[in-house]
Amino acid sequence: MVNLFVPKETGTGETRVAVTPESAKAFIKGGMTVSVERGAGESAFMPDSEYTAAGAAIVDRASGFAAADIVAAVGAPPAADVARMRAGSILIAMRATASPNITTFSMERIPRTTKAQTMDALSSQASIAGYRAALIAATELPRYFPLLMTAAGTIKPAKVVVMGAGVAGLQALATARRLGAVVEVSDIRPAVKEQVHSLGGRFIDLPMQESGEGAGGYAKEVSADFLRQQREIVTRHIAAADVVITTAQVPGKKAPVLVTREMVEGMRPGSIIIDLAVDSGGNCELSKPGETSHNGVRILGVSNLAATMSHDASLLYARNIQALVFEFVEKGELKLNMDNEIIRETVVKGNA
């Protein structure tokens, strides 16, 4: 019988948990045993009592790693913990790297296919990040988001520009629109224009001599000349914006710089930039983790926004983990089939 272990996260600011009582119950029903480190779900408001009620065992960290056939985590555990794992066991986490004698699944490597949608952790967590980014913008902006007609006169709606119409960008668009802002969206993939319009946004048309559509619907790198033409067009829209939310990232690459120093200097004092790509270099030339300001424009480089909604972020991530595990666990037995595209693409190749 396969034993799955859920450790408490050790990363700074990480509040999520990889397996919830809901998914623990599903694993047990599928013929597995589930062990959870004491307090693993507390930051996501899931106490140990809920795990035991689901049928899971509460254990200490060292014995949990040592006895596990599968370790499911949000962030990759420290090397000392991984070293405790038995030969032939499996580690599943975000940004996990290959380790000797074990099989490592890295959740951001899930292929962008119809079958793998339920396992797509990047999308489930990016949706939360986009939602939170719009809420932060509405809270921090020194003016209203919606159009208001009052006895003292009319307040015009805020203007928001979203850079990147992936999952995070579309959720930021949808949330900002619900809050009453006028939203424009820029993206190098012409295919997303219809999605932007369906959510009530305005698509900023760009020269499309080349497409930024990459494999699986992700963005890809484009030429310097294309980016220069894009910047010339987008600069005008950014100058009129109250809020700019940047979300553009290319898997495995440094984030493209979409908002230059000159663009920031063209914005009105009191405007806000929220950069969701700061961990991969930033879409704004002036971004850095945390908050900075330039000419009265506040630039917020925000990291791991999904962890600020720990309960629901954990629910979604745990469902992603659950769907992946049941790709290679059948009737309580491990069956790793490397002919399965999802397994093949998600396993990290090479040895540490």
Protein backbone atom coordinates (compact mmCIF):
# COMPACT_ATOMS: atom_id res chain seq x y z
CA MET A 1 0.00 0.00 0.00
CA VAL A 2 1.39 3.39 -1.04
CA ASN A 3 2.10 5.83 1.81
CA LEU A 4 1.88 9.54 0.98
CA PHE A 5 3.51 12.04 3.36
CA VAL A 6 2.65 15.74 3.63
CA PRO A 7 5.35 17.89 5.28
CA LYS A 8 4.87 21.30 6.82
CA GLU A 9 6.22 23.98 4.48
CA THR A 10 9.47 25.67 5.55
CA GLY A 11 9.75 28.42 2.93
CA THR A 12 9.57 32.02 4.12
CA GLY A 13 6.00 33.28 3.87
CA GLU A 14 4.71 29.95 2.55
CA THR A 15 1.29 29.29 4.09
CA ARG A 16 -0.09 26.65 1.73
CA VAL A 17 -0.25 22.90 2.22
CA ALA A 18 0.02 20.32 -0.56
CA VAL A 19 -2.69 17.95 0.64
CA THR A 20 -5.93 19.02 2.30
CA PRO A 21 -8.30 16.88 4.38
CA GLU A 22 -10.48 16.70 1.27
CA SER A 23 -7.72 15.24 -0.89
CA ALA A 24 -6.41 13.06 1.96
CA LYS A 25 -9.82 11.40 2.07
CA ALA A 26 -9.66 10.83 -1.70
CA PHE A 27 -6.20 9.22 -1.45
CA ILE A 28 -7.33 6.92 1.34
CA LYS A 29 -10.43 5.95 -0.64
CA GLY A 30 -8.06 5.14 -3.54
CA GLY A 31 -6.23 2.54 -1.44
CA MET A 32 -3.37 4.68 -0.07
CA THR A 33 -2.32 5.70 3.43
CA VAL A 34 -1.71 9.37 4.24
CA SER A 35 0.67 10.74 6.88
CA VAL A 36 0.73 14.45 7.72
CA GLU A 37 3.36 16.33 9.68
CA ARG A 38 1.92 17.87 12.82
CA GLY A 39 0.68 21.38 12.06
CA ALA A 40 1.20 21.10 8.29
CA GLY A 41 -2.20 22.60 7.50
CA GLU A 42 -2.46 25.19 10.26
CA SER A 43 -1.40 28.17 8.12
CA ALA A 44 -4.12 27.19 5.64
CA PHE A 45 -6.65 26.94 8.49
CA MET A 46 -6.82 23.16 8.27
CA PRO A 47 -6.10 21.75 11.75
CA ASP A 48 -4.71 18.31 12.48
CA SER A 49 -8.14 17.23 13.73
CA GLU A 50 -9.57 17.59 10.21
CA TYR A 51 -6.85 15.35 8.82
CA THR A 52 -7.41 12.66 11.44
CA ALA A 53 -11.15 12.85 10.80
CA ALA A 54 -10.35 12.17 7.12
CA GLY A 55 -8.34 9.09 8.11
CA ALA A 56 -4.80 10.48 7.96
CA ALA A 57 -2.11 9.86 10.58
CA ILE A 58 -0.26 12.76 12.25
CA VAL A 59 3.49 12.06 12.41
CA ASP A 60 6.79 13.84 13.03
CA ARG A 61 8.81 15.18 10.13
CA ALA A 62 11.77 12.81 10.19
CA SER A 63 9.73 9.61 10.32
CA GLY A 64 7.32 10.97 7.71
CA PHE A 65 10.07 11.46 5.13
CA ALA A 66 11.72 8.15 5.99
CA ALA A 67 8.55 6.07 5.60
CA ALA A 68 7.07 7.80 2.55
CA ASP A 69 6.58 6.29 -0.87
CA ILE A 70 5.40 9.71 -2.06
CA VAL A 71 6.15 13.12 -0.55
CA ALA A 72 3.79 15.88 -1.71
CA ALA A 73 4.88 19.46 -0.99
CA VAL A 74 4.33 23.00 -2.23
CA GLY A 75 7.95 24.14 -2.29
CA ALA A 76 10.83 21.72 -2.68
CA PRO A 77 11.85 20.47 0.80
CA PRO A 78 15.37 21.15 2.14
CA ALA A 79 18.09 18.75 0.96
CA ALA A 80 18.43 17.26 4.43
CA ASP A 81 14.79 16.14 4.34
CA VAL A 82 15.06 14.76 0.81
CA ALA A 83 18.12 12.76 1.91
CA ARG A 84 15.88 10.88 4.37
CA MET A 85 13.69 9.55 1.57
CA ARG A 86 13.98 5.89 0.59
CA ALA A 87 15.45 4.84 -2.73
CA GLY A 88 12.69 4.54 -5.32
CA SER A 89 10.34 6.95 -3.56
CA ILE A 90 8.71 9.95 -5.26
CA LEU A 91 8.86 13.69 -4.52
CA ILE A 92 6.24 16.08 -5.92
CA ALA A 93 6.69 19.83 -5.47
CA MET A 94 6.98 23.15 -7.27
CA ARG A 95 10.43 23.97 -8.63
CA ALA A 96 11.77 20.60 -7.49
CA THR A 97 15.13 19.44 -8.82
CA ALA A 98 16.42 15.95 -9.52
CA SER A 99 17.83 14.01 -6.57
CA PRO A 100 19.75 10.70 -6.55
CA ASN A 101 17.75 7.49 -6.15
CA ILE A 102 14.30 9.10 -6.14
CA THR A 103 11.87 10.18 -8.85
CA THR A 104 11.08 13.91 -8.77
CA PHE A 105 7.96 15.52 -10.24
CA SER A 106 8.11 19.31 -10.66
CA MET A 107 4.60 20.73 -10.82
CA GLU A 108 5.44 23.64 -13.13
CA ARG A 109 6.42 21.08 -15.79
CA ILE A 110 2.85 19.79 -16.15
CA PRO A 111 2.15 19.90 -19.92
CA ARG A 112 -0.45 22.37 -21.16
CA THR A 113 -2.87 19.76 -22.56
CA THR A 114 -6.58 19.16 -22.16
CA LYS A 115 -6.02 15.96 -20.18
CA ALA A 116 -3.61 17.67 -17.78
CA GLN A 117 -5.80 20.71 -17.03
CA THR A 118 -6.82 19.35 -13.62
CA MET A 119 -3.12 19.09 -12.68
CA ASP A 120 -2.07 22.55 -13.89
CA ALA A 121 -0.77 24.13 -10.68
CA LEU A 122 0.74 27.11 -12.47
CA SER A 123 -2.70 28.09 -13.71
CA SER A 124 -4.57 27.44 -10.46
CA GLN A 125 -2.12 29.55 -8.46
CA ALA A 126 -1.74 32.26 -11.13
CA SER A 127 -5.49 32.80 -11.08
CA ILE A 128 -5.28 33.65 -7.39
CA ALA A 129 -2.29 35.95 -8.00
CA GLY A 130 -4.18 37.90 -10.66
CA TYR A 131 -7.21 38.29 -8.40
CA ARG A 132 -5.10 39.49 -5.48
CA ALA A 133 -3.15 41.90 -7.69
CA ALA A 134 -6.34 43.69 -8.71
CA LEU A 135 -7.51 43.89 -5.09
CA ILE A 136 -4.14 45.30 -3.98
CA ALA A 137 -4.32 47.88 -6.74
CA ALA A 138 -7.82 48.95 -5.71
CA THR A 139 -6.73 49.22 -2.07
CA GLU A 140 -3.49 51.10 -2.69
CA LEU A 141 -4.65 53.49 -5.41
CA PRO A 142 -5.52 56.93 -3.95
CA ARG A 143 -8.74 57.08 -5.94
CA TYR A 144 -11.87 55.05 -6.68
CA PHE A 145 -11.93 52.20 -9.18
CA PRO A 146 -15.57 52.63 -10.30
CA LEU A 147 -17.40 55.53 -11.91
CA LEU A 148 -19.23 57.44 -9.18
CA MET A 149 -21.89 60.09 -9.60
CA THR A 150 -22.31 62.10 -6.42
CA ALA A 151 -23.89 65.37 -5.34
CA ALA A 152 -20.39 66.81 -5.39
CA GLY A 153 -19.85 65.76 -8.99
CA THR A 154 -18.75 62.77 -11.02
CA ILE A 155 -15.66 60.68 -10.33
CA LYS A 156 -14.26 59.04 -13.45
CA PRO A 157 -13.39 55.33 -13.29
CA ALA A 158 -9.80 54.32 -12.81
CA LYS A 159 -7.84 53.21 -15.87
CA VAL A 160 -5.99 49.91 -15.53
CA VAL A 161 -3.52 48.44 -18.01
CA VAL A 162 -2.77 44.72 -17.69
CA MET A 163 0.40 43.48 -19.35
CA GLY A 164 0.01 39.83 -20.30
CA ALA A 165 -3.26 37.97 -20.86
CA GLY A 166 -2.35 34.62 -19.39
CA VAL A 167 -4.28 33.16 -16.49
CA ALA A 168 -3.08 35.80 -14.01
CA GLY A 169 -3.68 38.67 -16.42
CA LEU A 170 -7.18 37.55 -17.35
CA GLN A 171 -8.12 37.14 -13.69
CA ALA A 172 -6.71 40.60 -12.92
CA LEU A 173 -8.79 41.96 -15.81
CA ALA A 174 -11.97 40.24 -14.65
CA THR A 175 -11.53 41.40 -11.05
CA ALA A 176 -10.68 44.99 -11.95
CA ARG A 177 -13.72 45.13 -14.23
CA ARG A 178 -15.97 43.83 -11.45
CA LEU A 179 -14.62 46.63 -9.29
CA GLY A 180 -15.63 49.13 -11.95
CA ALA A 181 -12.32 50.07 -13.58
CA VAL A 182 -11.76 50.58 -17.30
CA VAL A 183 -9.23 47.91 -18.28
CA GLU A 184 -6.93 47.66 -21.28
CA VAL A 185 -4.80 44.58 -21.94
CA SER A 186 -1.59 44.15 -23.89
CA ASP A 187 -0.30 40.77 -25.04
CA ILE A 188 1.97 39.49 -27.80
CA ARG A 189 -0.41 36.60 -28.54
CA PRO A 190 -3.19 37.74 -30.89
CA ALA A 191 -5.25 34.65 -30.00
CA VAL A 192 -6.11 36.10 -26.57
CA LYS A 193 -7.89 39.15 -27.98
CA GLU A 194 -11.27 37.41 -27.96
CA GLN A 195 -10.80 36.33 -24.35
CA VAL A 196 -9.98 39.89 -23.32
CA HIS A 197 -13.11 41.22 -25.01
CA SER A 198 -15.27 38.51 -23.44
CA LEU A 199 -14.23 39.71 -19.99
CA GLY A 200 -15.04 43.34 -20.76
CA GLY A 201 -11.50 44.52 -21.46
CA ARG A 202 -10.08 46.51 -24.34
CA PHE A 203 -7.27 44.83 -26.26
CA ILE A 204 -4.30 47.02 -27.17
CA ASP A 205 -3.59 46.10 -30.77
CA LEU A 206 0.09 45.59 -31.54
CA PRO A 207 2.02 45.03 -34.79
CA MET A 208 1.71 41.31 -35.46
CA GLN A 209 4.49 40.59 -37.93
CA GLU A 210 5.45 37.79 -35.54
CA SER A 211 3.45 35.88 -32.97
CA GLY A 212 4.37 35.51 -29.33
CA GLU A 213 2.40 32.27 -29.09
CA GLY A 214 4.58 29.50 -27.69
CA ALA A 215 4.09 25.81 -27.03
CA GLY A 216 1.04 24.98 -24.96
CA GLY A 217 -0.34 28.51 -25.17
CA TYR A 218 2.48 30.05 -23.14
CA ALA A 219 4.25 33.19 -24.33
CA LYS A 220 7.60 32.80 -26.08
CA GLU A 221 10.53 35.15 -26.56
CA VAL A 222 10.19 37.62 -29.43
CA SER A 223 12.67 39.84 -31.23
CA ALA A 224 14.05 43.11 -29.86
CA ASP A 225 12.48 44.98 -32.78
CA PHE A 226 9.06 43.57 -31.98
CA LEU A 227 9.41 44.60 -28.33
CA ARG A 228 10.48 48.11 -29.41
CA GLN A 229 7.35 48.53 -31.55
CA GLN A 230 5.22 47.14 -28.76
CA ARG A 231 6.69 49.59 -26.25
CA GLU A 232 6.01 52.58 -28.50
CA ILE A 233 2.32 51.71 -28.64
CA VAL A 234 1.94 50.65 -25.03
CA THR A 235 3.76 53.75 -23.74
CA ARG A 236 0.81 55.93 -24.69
CA HIS A 237 -1.64 53.72 -22.83
CA ILE A 238 0.57 53.45 -19.74
CA ALA A 239 0.93 57.23 -19.56
CA ALA A 240 -2.86 57.51 -19.17
CA ALA A 241 -3.16 54.64 -16.68
CA ASP A 242 -3.76 54.84 -12.96
CA VAL A 243 -2.68 51.21 -12.46
CA VAL A 244 -0.40 48.92 -14.44
CA ILE A 245 -0.41 45.20 -13.57
CA THR A 246 2.35 43.21 -15.24
CA THR A 247 2.09 39.42 -15.47
CA ALA A 248 4.20 38.44 -18.49
CA GLN A 249 6.55 35.51 -17.95
CA VAL A 250 8.25 33.03 -20.26
CA PRO A 251 8.79 29.56 -18.74
CA GLY A 252 12.45 29.01 -17.93
CA LYS A 253 13.49 32.51 -19.04
CA LYS A 254 14.04 35.92 -17.49
CA ALA A 255 10.84 37.95 -17.57
CA PRO A 256 10.72 40.45 -20.46
CA VAL A 257 11.05 44.13 -19.57
CA LEU A 258 7.78 45.70 -20.72
CA VAL A 259 7.75 48.89 -18.65
CA THR A 260 10.90 50.97 -18.94
CA ARG A 261 12.17 53.78 -16.72
CA GLU A 262 10.99 56.28 -19.35
CA MET A 263 7.49 54.79 -19.28
CA VAL A 264 7.38 55.11 -15.50
CA GLU A 265 8.50 58.72 -15.74
CA GLY A 266 5.61 59.37 -18.12
CA MET A 267 3.02 58.19 -15.58
CA ARG A 268 1.11 60.50 -13.24
CA PRO A 269 2.19 60.80 -9.59
CA GLY A 270 0.02 58.54 -7.45
CA SER A 271 -0.14 55.83 -10.10
CA ILE A 272 0.74 52.25 -9.18
CA ILE A 273 2.60 49.44 -10.90
CA ILE A 274 2.12 45.89 -9.59
CA ASP A 275 4.76 43.53 -10.97
CA LEU A 276 3.86 39.84 -10.63
CA ALA A 277 7.01 38.79 -12.49
CA VAL A 278 9.47 40.26 -9.98
CA ASP A 279 10.79 36.84 -8.96
CA SER A 280 11.94 36.14 -12.52
CA GLY A 281 13.53 39.56 -13.07
CA GLY A 282 10.48 41.80 -13.32
CA ASN A 283 8.47 43.25 -16.19
CA CYS A 284 9.24 46.77 -14.97
CA GLU A 285 12.81 47.98 -15.29
CA LEU A 286 12.64 49.55 -11.82
CA SER A 287 10.98 46.65 -10.01
CA LYS A 288 12.50 44.98 -7.00
CA PRO A 289 10.94 42.75 -4.34
CA GLY A 290 8.78 44.82 -2.03
CA GLU A 291 7.96 48.45 -2.75
CA THR A 292 9.89 51.24 -4.39
CA SER A 293 8.87 54.56 -5.91
CA HIS A 294 10.01 56.73 -8.78
CA ASN A 295 8.74 60.23 -9.57
CA GLY A 296 5.70 59.67 -7.37
CA VAL A 297 4.83 56.31 -8.99
CA ARG A 298 4.69 53.39 -6.56
CA ILE A 299 6.11 50.10 -7.86
CA LEU A 300 5.08 46.99 -5.96
CA GLY A 301 7.11 43.87 -6.69
CA VAL A 302 4.91 41.18 -5.17
CA SER A 303 5.90 37.55 -4.64
CA ASN A 304 3.86 34.42 -4.00
CA LEU A 305 0.47 36.11 -3.87
CA ALA A 306 -1.21 32.71 -3.87
CA ALA A 307 0.11 32.18 -0.32
CA THR A 308 -1.90 35.22 0.83
CA MET A 309 -5.05 33.17 0.15
CA SER A 310 -3.74 30.05 1.83
CA HIS A 311 -7.02 28.18 2.28
CA ASP A 312 -8.36 28.29 -1.26
CA ALA A 313 -4.88 28.22 -2.82
CA SER A 314 -4.25 24.98 -0.91
CA LEU A 315 -7.58 23.51 -1.99
CA LEU A 316 -6.74 24.11 -5.65
CA TYR A 317 -3.12 23.00 -5.43
CA ALA A 318 -4.09 19.85 -3.53
CA ARG A 319 -6.57 18.96 -6.27
CA ASN A 320 -3.77 19.42 -8.82
CA ILE A 321 -1.56 17.06 -6.79
CA GLN A 322 -4.40 14.57 -6.40
CA ALA A 323 -5.03 14.41 -10.14
CA LEU A 324 -1.33 13.88 -10.85
CA VAL A 325 -0.89 11.15 -8.22
CA PHE A 326 -3.78 9.15 -9.61
CA GLU A 327 -2.00 9.14 -12.98
CA PHE A 328 0.55 6.72 -11.51
CA VAL A 329 -1.18 5.15 -8.51
CA GLU A 330 -3.78 2.51 -9.36
CA LYS A 331 -5.67 0.61 -6.66
CA GLY A 332 -3.09 1.65 -4.09
CA GLU A 333 -0.09 0.52 -6.18
CA LEU A 334 2.63 2.58 -7.87
CA LYS A 335 2.69 2.20 -11.66
CA LEU A 336 5.06 4.71 -13.23
CA ASN A 337 4.52 4.52 -16.99
CA MET A 338 6.97 6.74 -18.83
CA ASP A 339 4.94 6.35 -22.01
CA ASN A 340 2.33 8.56 -20.30
CA GLU A 341 3.02 12.07 -21.62
CA ILE A 342 2.04 13.75 -18.36
CA ILE A 343 4.40 11.61 -16.29
CA ARG A 344 7.20 11.80 -18.85
CA GLU A 345 7.08 15.58 -19.13
CA THR A 346 6.68 16.30 -15.40
CA VAL A 347 9.51 14.09 -14.14
CA VAL A 348 12.74 16.04 -13.72
CA LYS A 349 15.51 14.43 -15.77
CA GLY A 350 19.09 13.95 -14.65
CA ASN A 351 20.74 13.40 -11.30
CA ALA A 352 21.65 15.93 -8.63
